[in-house]
Amino acid sequence: MKDEIILYAPNELAEHIEVRIDEETVWLSLNQIAQLFDRDKSVISRHLRNIYKEGELTIEATVAKNATVQIEAGRKIKR
């Protein structure tokens, strides 16, 4: 359904996942996607590579141009 947002109750996920919403797009990092689906991030990365390889989606349409920020040893790291 267009414009549908699904909210999960806190007890449905082991941890809280905060996402960024920009207009009609929800953005998650690779780590957030792995956490959401309870998979190793290498599995998610491999799946995304196959999606791009098959032409199902393009990197330009699905990857944000801003830096990736993640917490490492208590510090915010941008890449």
N, C-alpha and C. Protein backbone atom coordinates (compact mmCIF):
# COMPACT_ATOMS: atom_id res chain seq x y z
N MET A 1 0.84 -1.18 0.00
CA MET A 1 0.00 0.00 0.00
C MET A 1 0.89 1.24 0.00
N LYS A 2 0.60 2.19 -0.85
CA LYS A 2 1.38 3.41 -0.94
C LYS A 2 1.23 4.25 0.33
N ASP A 3 2.33 4.86 0.73
CA ASP A 3 2.36 5.74 1.90
C ASP A 3 2.06 5.01 3.21
N GLU A 4 2.27 3.71 3.25
CA GLU A 4 2.03 2.95 4.46
C GLU A 4 3.32 2.84 5.27
N ILE A 5 3.24 3.10 6.54
CA ILE A 5 4.37 2.93 7.45
C ILE A 5 3.95 1.91 8.49
N ILE A 6 4.78 0.91 8.67
CA ILE A 6 4.49 -0.13 9.66
C ILE A 6 5.32 0.15 10.91
N LEU A 7 4.66 0.23 12.03
CA LEU A 7 5.34 0.43 13.30
C LEU A 7 5.31 -0.87 14.09
N TYR A 8 6.45 -1.25 14.60
CA TYR A 8 6.55 -2.46 15.39
C TYR A 8 6.53 -2.12 16.87
N ALA A 9 5.87 -2.91 17.64
CA ALA A 9 5.85 -2.72 19.10
C ALA A 9 7.23 -3.05 19.65
N PRO A 10 7.63 -2.41 20.75
CA PRO A 10 8.96 -2.64 21.32
C PRO A 10 9.29 -4.11 21.58
N ASN A 11 8.30 -4.90 21.91
CA ASN A 11 8.60 -6.31 22.21
C ASN A 11 8.77 -7.17 20.96
N GLU A 12 8.57 -6.60 19.78
CA GLU A 12 8.74 -7.35 18.55
C GLU A 12 10.19 -7.37 18.07
N LEU A 13 11.01 -6.45 18.54
CA LEU A 13 12.42 -6.39 18.19
C LEU A 13 13.25 -6.41 19.46
N ALA A 14 14.40 -7.04 19.38
CA ALA A 14 15.26 -7.10 20.55
C ALA A 14 15.79 -5.73 20.95
N GLU A 15 16.03 -4.88 19.96
CA GLU A 15 16.57 -3.55 20.22
C GLU A 15 15.78 -2.51 19.44
N HIS A 16 15.89 -1.27 19.89
CA HIS A 16 15.26 -0.15 19.21
C HIS A 16 16.11 0.22 17.99
N ILE A 17 15.49 0.40 16.83
CA ILE A 17 16.21 0.80 15.62
C ILE A 17 15.68 2.16 15.19
N GLU A 18 16.55 3.14 15.18
CA GLU A 18 16.17 4.49 14.78
C GLU A 18 16.51 4.65 13.31
N VAL A 19 15.58 5.14 12.53
CA VAL A 19 15.81 5.33 11.09
C VAL A 19 15.63 6.79 10.73
N ARG A 20 16.20 7.16 9.58
CA ARG A 20 16.05 8.52 9.08
C ARG A 20 14.99 8.50 7.98
N ILE A 21 14.05 9.42 8.06
CA ILE A 21 13.02 9.54 7.04
C ILE A 21 13.24 10.86 6.31
N ASP A 22 13.37 10.78 4.99
CA ASP A 22 13.58 11.95 4.15
C ASP A 22 12.50 11.96 3.08
N GLU A 23 11.55 12.86 3.22
CA GLU A 23 10.36 12.93 2.37
C GLU A 23 9.64 11.58 2.42
N GLU A 24 9.64 10.82 1.35
CA GLU A 24 8.91 9.54 1.34
C GLU A 24 9.84 8.34 1.41
N THR A 25 11.10 8.57 1.80
CA THR A 25 12.09 7.50 1.82
C THR A 25 12.58 7.25 3.24
N VAL A 26 12.65 5.99 3.60
CA VAL A 26 13.19 5.58 4.89
C VAL A 26 14.61 5.07 4.64
N TRP A 27 15.58 5.61 5.39
CA TRP A 27 16.99 5.25 5.21
C TRP A 27 17.49 4.45 6.40
N LEU A 28 18.13 3.33 6.12
CA LEU A 28 18.77 2.52 7.14
C LEU A 28 20.19 2.22 6.70
N SER A 29 21.09 2.12 7.66
CA SER A 29 22.46 1.72 7.35
C SER A 29 22.49 0.20 7.18
N LEU A 30 23.60 -0.29 6.67
CA LEU A 30 23.78 -1.73 6.53
C LEU A 30 23.64 -2.42 7.88
N ASN A 31 24.21 -1.82 8.91
CA ASN A 31 24.10 -2.39 10.26
C ASN A 31 22.66 -2.41 10.75
N GLN A 32 21.90 -1.37 10.46
CA GLN A 32 20.49 -1.32 10.88
C GLN A 32 19.66 -2.37 10.15
N ILE A 33 19.92 -2.57 8.86
CA ILE A 33 19.19 -3.60 8.10
C ILE A 33 19.52 -4.98 8.66
N ALA A 34 20.79 -5.21 8.95
CA ALA A 34 21.20 -6.50 9.52
C ALA A 34 20.52 -6.72 10.87
N GLN A 35 20.45 -5.69 11.67
CA GLN A 35 19.78 -5.78 12.98
C GLN A 35 18.29 -6.03 12.81
N LEU A 36 17.66 -5.33 11.90
CA LEU A 36 16.22 -5.47 11.67
C LEU A 36 15.85 -6.89 11.27
N PHE A 37 16.64 -7.49 10.38
CA PHE A 37 16.34 -8.83 9.88
C PHE A 37 17.09 -9.93 10.64
N ASP A 38 17.82 -9.54 11.70
CA ASP A 38 18.56 -10.49 12.53
C ASP A 38 19.47 -11.37 11.68
N ARG A 39 20.27 -10.73 10.82
CA ARG A 39 21.22 -11.41 9.96
C ARG A 39 22.57 -10.72 10.08
N ASP A 40 23.63 -11.43 9.76
CA ASP A 40 24.96 -10.84 9.72
C ASP A 40 25.00 -9.82 8.58
N LYS A 41 25.74 -8.73 8.78
CA LYS A 41 25.73 -7.70 7.75
C LYS A 41 26.36 -8.18 6.44
N SER A 42 27.20 -9.23 6.49
CA SER A 42 27.76 -9.78 5.25
C SER A 42 26.65 -10.41 4.39
N VAL A 43 25.65 -10.98 5.04
CA VAL A 43 24.50 -11.57 4.32
C VAL A 43 23.71 -10.47 3.62
N ILE A 44 23.49 -9.37 4.33
CA ILE A 44 22.75 -8.24 3.75
C ILE A 44 23.54 -7.64 2.60
N SER A 45 24.84 -7.47 2.80
CA SER A 45 25.71 -6.90 1.77
C SER A 45 25.69 -7.77 0.50
N ARG A 46 25.79 -9.08 0.68
CA ARG A 46 25.76 -10.02 -0.45
C ARG A 46 24.41 -9.92 -1.19
N HIS A 47 23.34 -9.84 -0.42
CA HIS A 47 22.01 -9.73 -1.02
C HIS A 47 21.89 -8.44 -1.83
N LEU A 48 22.38 -7.34 -1.27
CA LEU A 48 22.33 -6.06 -1.99
C LEU A 48 23.17 -6.10 -3.26
N ARG A 49 24.36 -6.71 -3.20
CA ARG A 49 25.19 -6.84 -4.41
C ARG A 49 24.44 -7.58 -5.51
N ASN A 50 23.73 -8.65 -5.13
CA ASN A 50 22.95 -9.41 -6.12
C ASN A 50 21.82 -8.57 -6.70
N ILE A 51 21.17 -7.76 -5.87
CA ILE A 51 20.10 -6.88 -6.34
C ILE A 51 20.64 -5.91 -7.38
N TYR A 52 21.81 -5.31 -7.11
CA TYR A 52 22.41 -4.37 -8.06
C TYR A 52 22.90 -5.08 -9.32
N LYS A 53 23.50 -6.26 -9.15
CA LYS A 53 24.01 -7.03 -10.28
C LYS A 53 22.89 -7.42 -11.24
N GLU A 54 21.74 -7.82 -10.69
CA GLU A 54 20.60 -8.22 -11.52
C GLU A 54 19.84 -7.03 -12.10
N GLY A 55 20.16 -5.81 -11.65
CA GLY A 55 19.49 -4.63 -12.17
C GLY A 55 18.12 -4.38 -11.56
N GLU A 56 17.82 -5.10 -10.48
CA GLU A 56 16.54 -4.91 -9.80
C GLU A 56 16.42 -3.49 -9.25
N LEU A 57 17.53 -2.98 -8.72
CA LEU A 57 17.62 -1.59 -8.25
C LEU A 57 18.98 -1.05 -8.66
N THR A 58 19.11 0.28 -8.66
CA THR A 58 20.40 0.89 -8.94
C THR A 58 20.99 1.47 -7.66
N ILE A 59 22.30 1.49 -7.60
CA ILE A 59 22.97 2.05 -6.42
C ILE A 59 22.59 3.52 -6.25
N GLU A 60 22.52 4.26 -7.35
CA GLU A 60 22.20 5.69 -7.29
C GLU A 60 20.84 5.95 -6.66
N ALA A 61 19.91 5.05 -6.84
CA ALA A 61 18.56 5.23 -6.31
C ALA A 61 18.42 4.77 -4.87
N THR A 62 19.39 4.01 -4.38
CA THR A 62 19.21 3.40 -3.07
C THR A 62 20.31 3.69 -2.05
N VAL A 63 21.35 4.38 -2.46
CA VAL A 63 22.46 4.67 -1.55
C VAL A 63 22.56 6.17 -1.35
N ALA A 64 22.53 6.61 -0.10
CA ALA A 64 22.64 8.03 0.21
C ALA A 64 24.03 8.53 -0.11
N LYS A 65 24.12 9.77 -0.53
CA LYS A 65 25.41 10.36 -0.89
C LYS A 65 26.17 10.87 0.33
N ASN A 66 25.50 10.98 1.47
CA ASN A 66 26.20 11.48 2.65
C ASN A 66 27.00 10.36 3.31
N ALA A 67 27.88 10.72 4.21
CA ALA A 67 28.79 9.77 4.85
C ALA A 67 28.04 8.81 5.75
N THR A 68 28.58 7.62 5.86
CA THR A 68 28.06 6.63 6.79
C THR A 68 28.60 6.95 8.17
N VAL A 69 27.73 7.01 9.14
CA VAL A 69 28.15 7.28 10.51
C VAL A 69 27.80 6.07 11.35
N GLN A 70 28.79 5.61 12.11
CA GLN A 70 28.55 4.50 13.01
C GLN A 70 29.36 4.71 14.28
N ILE A 71 28.97 4.03 15.31
CA ILE A 71 29.65 4.13 16.60
C ILE A 71 30.69 3.02 16.70
N GLU A 72 31.94 3.40 16.92
CA GLU A 72 33.03 2.44 17.13
C GLU A 72 33.77 2.86 18.39
N ALA A 73 33.87 1.96 19.33
CA ALA A 73 34.56 2.22 20.60
C ALA A 73 34.07 3.50 21.25
N GLY A 74 32.74 3.74 21.16
CA GLY A 74 32.14 4.89 21.80
C GLY A 74 32.32 6.19 21.04
N ARG A 75 32.88 6.15 19.83
CA ARG A 75 33.07 7.36 19.02
C ARG A 75 32.26 7.26 17.74
N LYS A 76 31.76 8.41 17.24
CA LYS A 76 31.07 8.44 15.95
C LYS A 76 32.11 8.50 14.84
N ILE A 77 32.05 7.56 13.91
CA ILE A 77 33.00 7.47 12.81
C ILE A 77 32.24 7.71 11.50
N LYS A 78 32.78 8.61 10.66
CA LYS A 78 32.18 8.87 9.34
C LYS A 78 33.07 8.24 8.27
N ARG A 79 32.42 7.61 7.30
CA ARG A 79 33.15 7.01 6.18
C ARG A 79 32.48 7.40 4.89
